[in-house]
Protein backbone atom coordinates (compact mmCIF):
# COMPACT_ATOMS: atom_id res chain seq x y z
CA MET A 1 5.18 9.47 -16.74
CA GLY A 2 6.99 8.55 -13.50
CA ILE A 3 9.61 6.49 -15.29
CA LYS A 4 10.18 8.44 -18.50
CA GLY A 5 9.27 11.91 -17.32
CA PHE A 6 11.33 11.82 -14.15
CA LEU A 7 13.47 8.81 -13.22
CA LEU A 8 15.30 7.67 -16.36
CA SER A 9 17.06 10.95 -17.05
CA SER A 10 18.42 11.10 -13.49
CA GLY A 11 19.38 7.44 -13.25
CA PHE A 12 17.05 6.65 -10.36
CA ILE A 13 15.20 3.37 -9.88
CA ASP A 14 12.09 2.18 -8.05
CA GLY A 15 11.74 -0.80 -5.77
CA GLY A 16 10.48 -4.27 -6.73
CA VAL A 17 10.68 -5.91 -10.11
CA THR A 18 10.34 -2.52 -11.79
CA GLY A 19 13.51 -1.41 -9.98
CA VAL A 20 15.32 -4.59 -11.01
CA SER A 21 14.35 -3.99 -14.63
CA MET A 22 15.54 -0.37 -14.50
CA LEU A 23 18.84 -1.38 -12.89
CA LEU A 24 19.47 -4.11 -15.48
CA SER A 25 18.60 -1.68 -18.26
CA ARG A 26 21.16 0.78 -16.86
CA VAL A 27 23.86 -1.91 -16.60
CA THR A 28 23.26 -3.83 -19.82
CA GLY A 29 21.80 -1.14 -22.08
CA ALA A 30 18.85 -3.39 -22.92
CA PRO A 31 15.54 -1.53 -23.55
CA LEU A 32 13.43 -1.15 -20.43
CA ALA A 33 10.30 -1.78 -22.51
CA ILE A 34 11.58 -5.34 -23.11
CA LEU A 35 13.00 -6.05 -19.66
CA LEU A 36 9.83 -5.05 -17.77
CA PRO A 37 7.52 -7.66 -19.31
CA ALA A 38 10.32 -10.25 -19.58
CA ILE A 39 10.99 -10.14 -15.81
CA ASN A 40 7.39 -9.61 -14.70
CA LEU A 41 5.56 -12.19 -16.75
CA PRO A 42 7.09 -15.26 -15.04
CA PHE A 43 5.74 -13.94 -11.72
CA VAL A 44 2.34 -13.35 -13.30
CA ALA A 45 2.37 -16.93 -14.60
CA LEU A 46 3.17 -18.23 -11.11
CA GLY A 47 0.43 -16.10 -9.64
CA MET A 48 -2.17 -17.48 -12.03
CA GLN A 49 -2.60 -20.54 -9.80
CA GLN A 50 -3.13 -18.35 -6.71
CA MET A 51 -5.15 -15.47 -8.20
CA GLY A 52 -6.83 -17.01 -11.20
CA ALA A 53 -6.69 -16.61 -14.97
CA ALA A 54 -8.62 -13.30 -15.01
CA PHE A 55 -6.06 -11.71 -12.72
CA ALA A 56 -3.19 -12.99 -14.86
CA ILE A 57 -4.77 -11.69 -18.08
CA ARG A 58 -5.45 -8.25 -16.59
CA SER A 59 -1.90 -8.05 -15.27
CA ALA A 60 -0.41 -9.14 -18.59
CA ILE A 61 -2.45 -6.47 -20.41
CA GLY A 62 -1.38 -3.82 -17.89
CA ILE A 63 2.32 -4.74 -18.13
CA ALA A 64 2.12 -4.86 -21.92
CA GLY A 65 0.47 -1.44 -21.94
CA LEU A 66 3.21 -0.04 -19.70
CA ALA A 67 5.91 -1.52 -21.95
CA GLY A 68 4.18 -0.10 -25.02
CA ALA A 69 3.95 3.37 -23.48
CA LEU A 70 7.66 3.24 -22.59
CA ALA A 71 8.55 2.21 -26.12
CA PHE A 72 6.31 4.44 -28.23
CA VAL A 73 4.84 7.32 -26.21
CA PRO A 74 7.08 10.41 -25.89
CA PHE A 75 7.30 12.05 -22.46
CA PRO A 76 9.12 15.31 -21.60
CA ASP A 77 11.98 15.35 -19.12
CA VAL A 78 10.09 17.39 -16.54
CA THR A 79 12.81 18.68 -14.19
CA PRO A 80 16.55 18.28 -13.53
CA ASP A 81 16.04 18.84 -9.78
CA LEU A 82 16.95 15.57 -8.07
CA VAL A 83 14.62 15.93 -5.06
CA LEU A 84 11.62 16.82 -7.26
CA THR A 85 12.51 13.93 -9.58
CA ALA A 86 12.57 11.42 -6.71
CA VAL A 87 9.37 12.65 -5.07
CA PHE A 88 7.19 13.17 -8.13
CA GLY A 89 8.65 10.18 -9.98
CA GLY A 90 7.63 8.08 -6.99
CA PHE A 91 4.24 9.78 -6.89
CA PHE A 92 3.39 8.87 -10.50
CA LEU A 93 4.74 5.33 -10.07
CA GLY A 94 2.68 4.73 -6.95
CA ALA A 95 -0.44 6.17 -8.55
CA GLY A 96 -0.08 3.93 -11.61
CA ILE A 97 0.52 0.76 -9.62
CA GLY A 98 -2.35 1.67 -7.25
CA LEU A 99 -4.81 2.15 -10.09
CA ALA A 100 -3.78 -1.22 -11.54
CA ILE A 101 -4.40 -2.90 -8.17
CA ARG A 102 -7.82 -1.25 -7.89
CA GLY A 103 -8.56 -2.75 -11.29
CA GLY A 104 -7.63 -6.23 -10.04
CA ALA A 105 -4.16 -6.50 -11.60
CA VAL A 106 -0.50 -5.78 -10.83
CA LEU A 107 2.27 -3.96 -12.72
CA ASP A 108 5.00 -5.37 -10.49
CA GLY A 109 5.53 -9.06 -9.76
CA THR A 110 7.16 -8.50 -6.35
CA GLU A 111 3.82 -8.75 -4.53
CA ILE A 112 3.05 -12.09 -6.19
CA ALA A 113 6.48 -13.50 -5.34
CA ALA A 114 6.19 -12.33 -1.74
CA LEU A 115 2.75 -13.92 -1.40
CA LEU A 116 4.01 -17.27 -2.75
CA VAL A 117 7.07 -17.26 -0.44
CA SER A 118 5.07 -16.29 2.65
CA ARG A 119 2.58 -19.09 2.09
CA ARG A 120 5.34 -21.69 2.42
CA GLY A 121 5.63 -21.05 6.15
CA ASP A 122 4.51 -18.99 9.10
CA VAL A 123 7.85 -17.24 9.67
CA LEU A 124 7.84 -14.82 6.74
CA ARG A 125 5.06 -12.35 6.03
CA VAL A 126 4.38 -10.62 2.70
CA GLY A 127 5.72 -7.33 4.04
CA ASP A 128 8.90 -8.98 5.29
CA VAL A 129 9.61 -10.56 1.91
CA ILE A 130 9.06 -7.27 0.03
CA LEU A 131 11.23 -5.37 2.50
CA GLY A 132 14.04 -7.92 2.26
CA PHE A 133 13.83 -7.91 -1.54
CA ASN A 134 14.12 -4.11 -1.68
CA VAL A 135 16.99 -3.99 0.84
CA VAL A 136 19.01 -6.31 -1.42
CA LEU A 137 18.00 -4.26 -4.50
CA PHE A 138 19.01 -0.87 -3.09
CA VAL A 139 22.27 -2.20 -1.64
CA SER A 140 23.07 -3.54 -5.13
CA ALA A 141 22.07 -0.16 -6.58
CA MET A 142 24.65 1.53 -4.33
CA ALA A 143 27.35 -0.65 -5.83
CA VAL A 144 26.18 -0.11 -9.42
CA LEU A 145 24.82 3.47 -9.47
CA GLY A 146 26.69 5.01 -6.53
CA VAL A 147 25.53 6.05 -3.10
CA THR A 148 23.78 9.31 -4.03
CA PRO A 149 21.52 7.91 -6.83
CA ALA A 150 20.72 4.90 -4.65
CA LEU A 151 19.64 7.13 -1.75
CA TYR A 152 17.47 9.21 -4.06
CA SER A 153 16.01 5.93 -5.38
CA ILE A 154 15.04 4.97 -1.82
CA LEU A 155 13.26 8.33 -1.57
CA THR A 156 11.48 7.49 -4.83
CA TYR A 157 10.41 4.13 -3.41
CA LEU A 158 9.07 5.71 -0.22
CA ALA A 159 7.07 8.30 -2.21
CA ALA A 160 5.65 5.55 -4.43
CA ALA A 161 4.71 3.41 -1.41
CA ARG A 162 2.87 6.26 0.29
CA THR A 163 1.02 7.18 -2.91
CA LEU A 164 0.14 3.54 -3.49
CA ASP A 165 -1.34 3.33 -0.01
CA PHE A 166 -3.39 6.45 -0.58
CA VAL A 167 -4.71 5.33 -3.98
CA ILE A 168 -5.77 1.93 -2.63
CA ASN A 169 -7.17 3.03 0.71
CA GLY A 170 -8.11 6.65 0.02
CA ILE A 171 -8.87 9.17 2.71
CA ASP A 172 -11.57 6.84 4.04
CA GLU A 173 -9.12 4.18 5.21
CA TYR A 174 -10.84 2.29 7.96
CA THR A 175 -9.74 2.33 11.58
CA ALA A 176 -10.96 0.05 14.37
CA VAL A 177 -11.69 1.70 17.73
CA THR A 178 -11.96 -0.16 21.05
CA ILE A 179 -13.38 1.79 23.98
CA VAL A 180 -13.40 0.74 27.64
CA SER A 181 -15.53 3.03 29.79
CA ASP A 182 -18.05 2.92 32.61
CA HIS A 183 -20.22 5.23 30.46
CA HIS A 184 -20.34 2.85 27.54
CA GLY A 185 -24.08 3.25 27.00
CA GLN A 186 -23.90 7.00 26.44
CA ILE A 187 -20.81 6.71 24.25
CA ARG A 188 -22.44 3.98 22.12
CA GLN A 189 -25.58 6.06 21.54
CA ARG A 190 -23.60 9.16 20.61
CA ILE A 191 -21.41 7.31 18.09
CA MET A 192 -24.41 5.62 16.49
CA HIS A 193 -26.42 8.84 16.18
CA ALA A 194 -23.63 11.35 15.42
CA LEU A 195 -21.66 9.22 12.97
CA GLY A 196 -24.19 6.66 11.78
CA ARG A 197 -21.74 3.84 12.59
CA GLY A 198 -22.58 0.50 14.11
CA VAL A 199 -21.10 -0.38 17.49
CA THR A 200 -20.42 -3.92 18.71
CA ILE A 201 -20.47 -4.69 22.45
CA TYR A 202 -18.13 -7.23 23.99
CA ARG A 203 -18.39 -8.51 27.58
CA GLY A 204 -15.05 -8.42 29.36
CA PHE A 205 -13.41 -8.36 32.77
CA GLY A 206 -10.95 -5.87 34.22
CA GLY A 207 -7.53 -7.49 34.62
CA MET A 208 -6.91 -5.84 37.99
CA SER A 209 -10.44 -5.27 39.32
CA GLY A 210 -11.99 -8.47 37.94
CA ARG A 211 -15.17 -6.45 37.39
CA GLU A 212 -17.34 -7.33 34.41
CA ARG A 213 -17.96 -4.52 31.95
CA ASP A 214 -19.09 -3.80 28.39
CA ILE A 215 -16.37 -3.02 25.83
CA LEU A 216 -17.29 -1.07 22.68
CA TYR A 217 -15.85 -1.82 19.25
CA CYS A 218 -16.56 0.20 16.12
CA VAL A 219 -15.06 0.82 12.67
CA VAL A 220 -14.73 4.39 11.35
CA THR A 221 -12.79 6.25 8.68
CA ARG A 222 -9.63 8.16 9.51
CA LEU A 223 -11.57 11.40 9.09
CA GLU A 224 -13.99 10.33 11.84
CA ILE A 225 -11.36 9.44 14.45
CA GLY A 226 -11.28 13.01 15.79
CA LYS A 227 -15.06 13.01 16.23
CA VAL A 228 -14.95 9.69 18.10
CA LYS A 229 -12.23 11.00 20.40
CA SER A 230 -14.25 14.14 21.06
CA ILE A 231 -17.37 12.15 21.94
CA VAL A 232 -15.47 9.84 24.28
CA ARG A 233 -13.53 12.59 26.08
CA GLU A 234 -16.68 14.69 26.47
CA ILE A 235 -18.57 11.85 28.17
CA ASP A 236 -15.72 10.10 30.00
CA PRO A 237 -12.27 11.75 30.11
CA ASP A 238 -10.86 8.63 31.85
CA ALA A 239 -11.99 6.17 29.17
CA PHE A 240 -9.38 3.83 27.69
CA VAL A 241 -9.38 4.07 23.85
CA VAL A 242 -7.34 2.01 21.36
CA TYR A 243 -7.08 2.71 17.61
CA HIS A 244 -5.58 0.49 14.93
CA ALA A 245 -5.72 0.63 11.13
CA LEU A 246 -7.56 -2.08 9.21
CA ALA A 247 -6.49 -3.67 5.95
CA GLY A 248 -10.10 -3.64 4.86
CA ALA A 249 -13.68 -3.77 6.08
CA GLU A 250 -17.07 -4.33 4.43
CA GLY A 251 -20.60 -5.33 5.25
CA GLY A 252 -22.87 -4.01 7.98
CA VAL A 253 -22.96 -0.20 7.91
CA VAL A 254 -19.46 -0.08 6.40
CA LYS A 255 -19.54 0.39 2.65
CA ALA A 256 -17.59 -2.02 0.44
CA ARG A 257 -14.78 -0.56 -1.58
CA ALA A 258 -15.20 -0.30 -5.35
CA PHE A 259 -12.16 -2.42 -6.17
CA HIS A 260 -13.51 -5.36 -4.21
């Protein structure tokens, strides 16, 4: 739906291998339903050694299903509005890729390639490789498609990335909270009873005072962050609180995600 219902008619592309396939289809006139599996499957084959045969088979089935839908399933051209095309085209793309990842597969080989490259050294991370790949892709798109379609394509990619993050993590994305307070006992009891979350206690020393104190660490969902802040500020307005998002968490009193 994202590709045929929105992007193709306006000449926009997505990021990653899907974007490369769409750009090549635009330049050469070759059917996108053929280019997508042809370019993706070598990456899936390379990823078989890292992810296993089951992952490769699921991914191959998903990519084949996508190619089949592009070739044989009719979709309406939803809107000629360029902004709506970029945003909702990216939304449907991100949702489709996210659902595939939750099922233990991929529809785009970029992530596999980035993982393989990043494992060859400590300098490059997966995110760095994907970002570099897409920078080259969209700069090339500016030369081939023109500046305006390329900029709308970047908007499509951003919408897809945000939707993908939401589909994978959901509204219960986990956040780690570190709390430094002289009233750690009261705060710990309130968090455990009000939220039903476990709290880990670290022993630490103040960098300036040198005084030993207990440091609280807990994992909550993004919807519970406000409640934690309220509890801490109510008990100790001078407490030092640090939040950072987690890629994943399971075990203890944190439920495991379904796609694990």
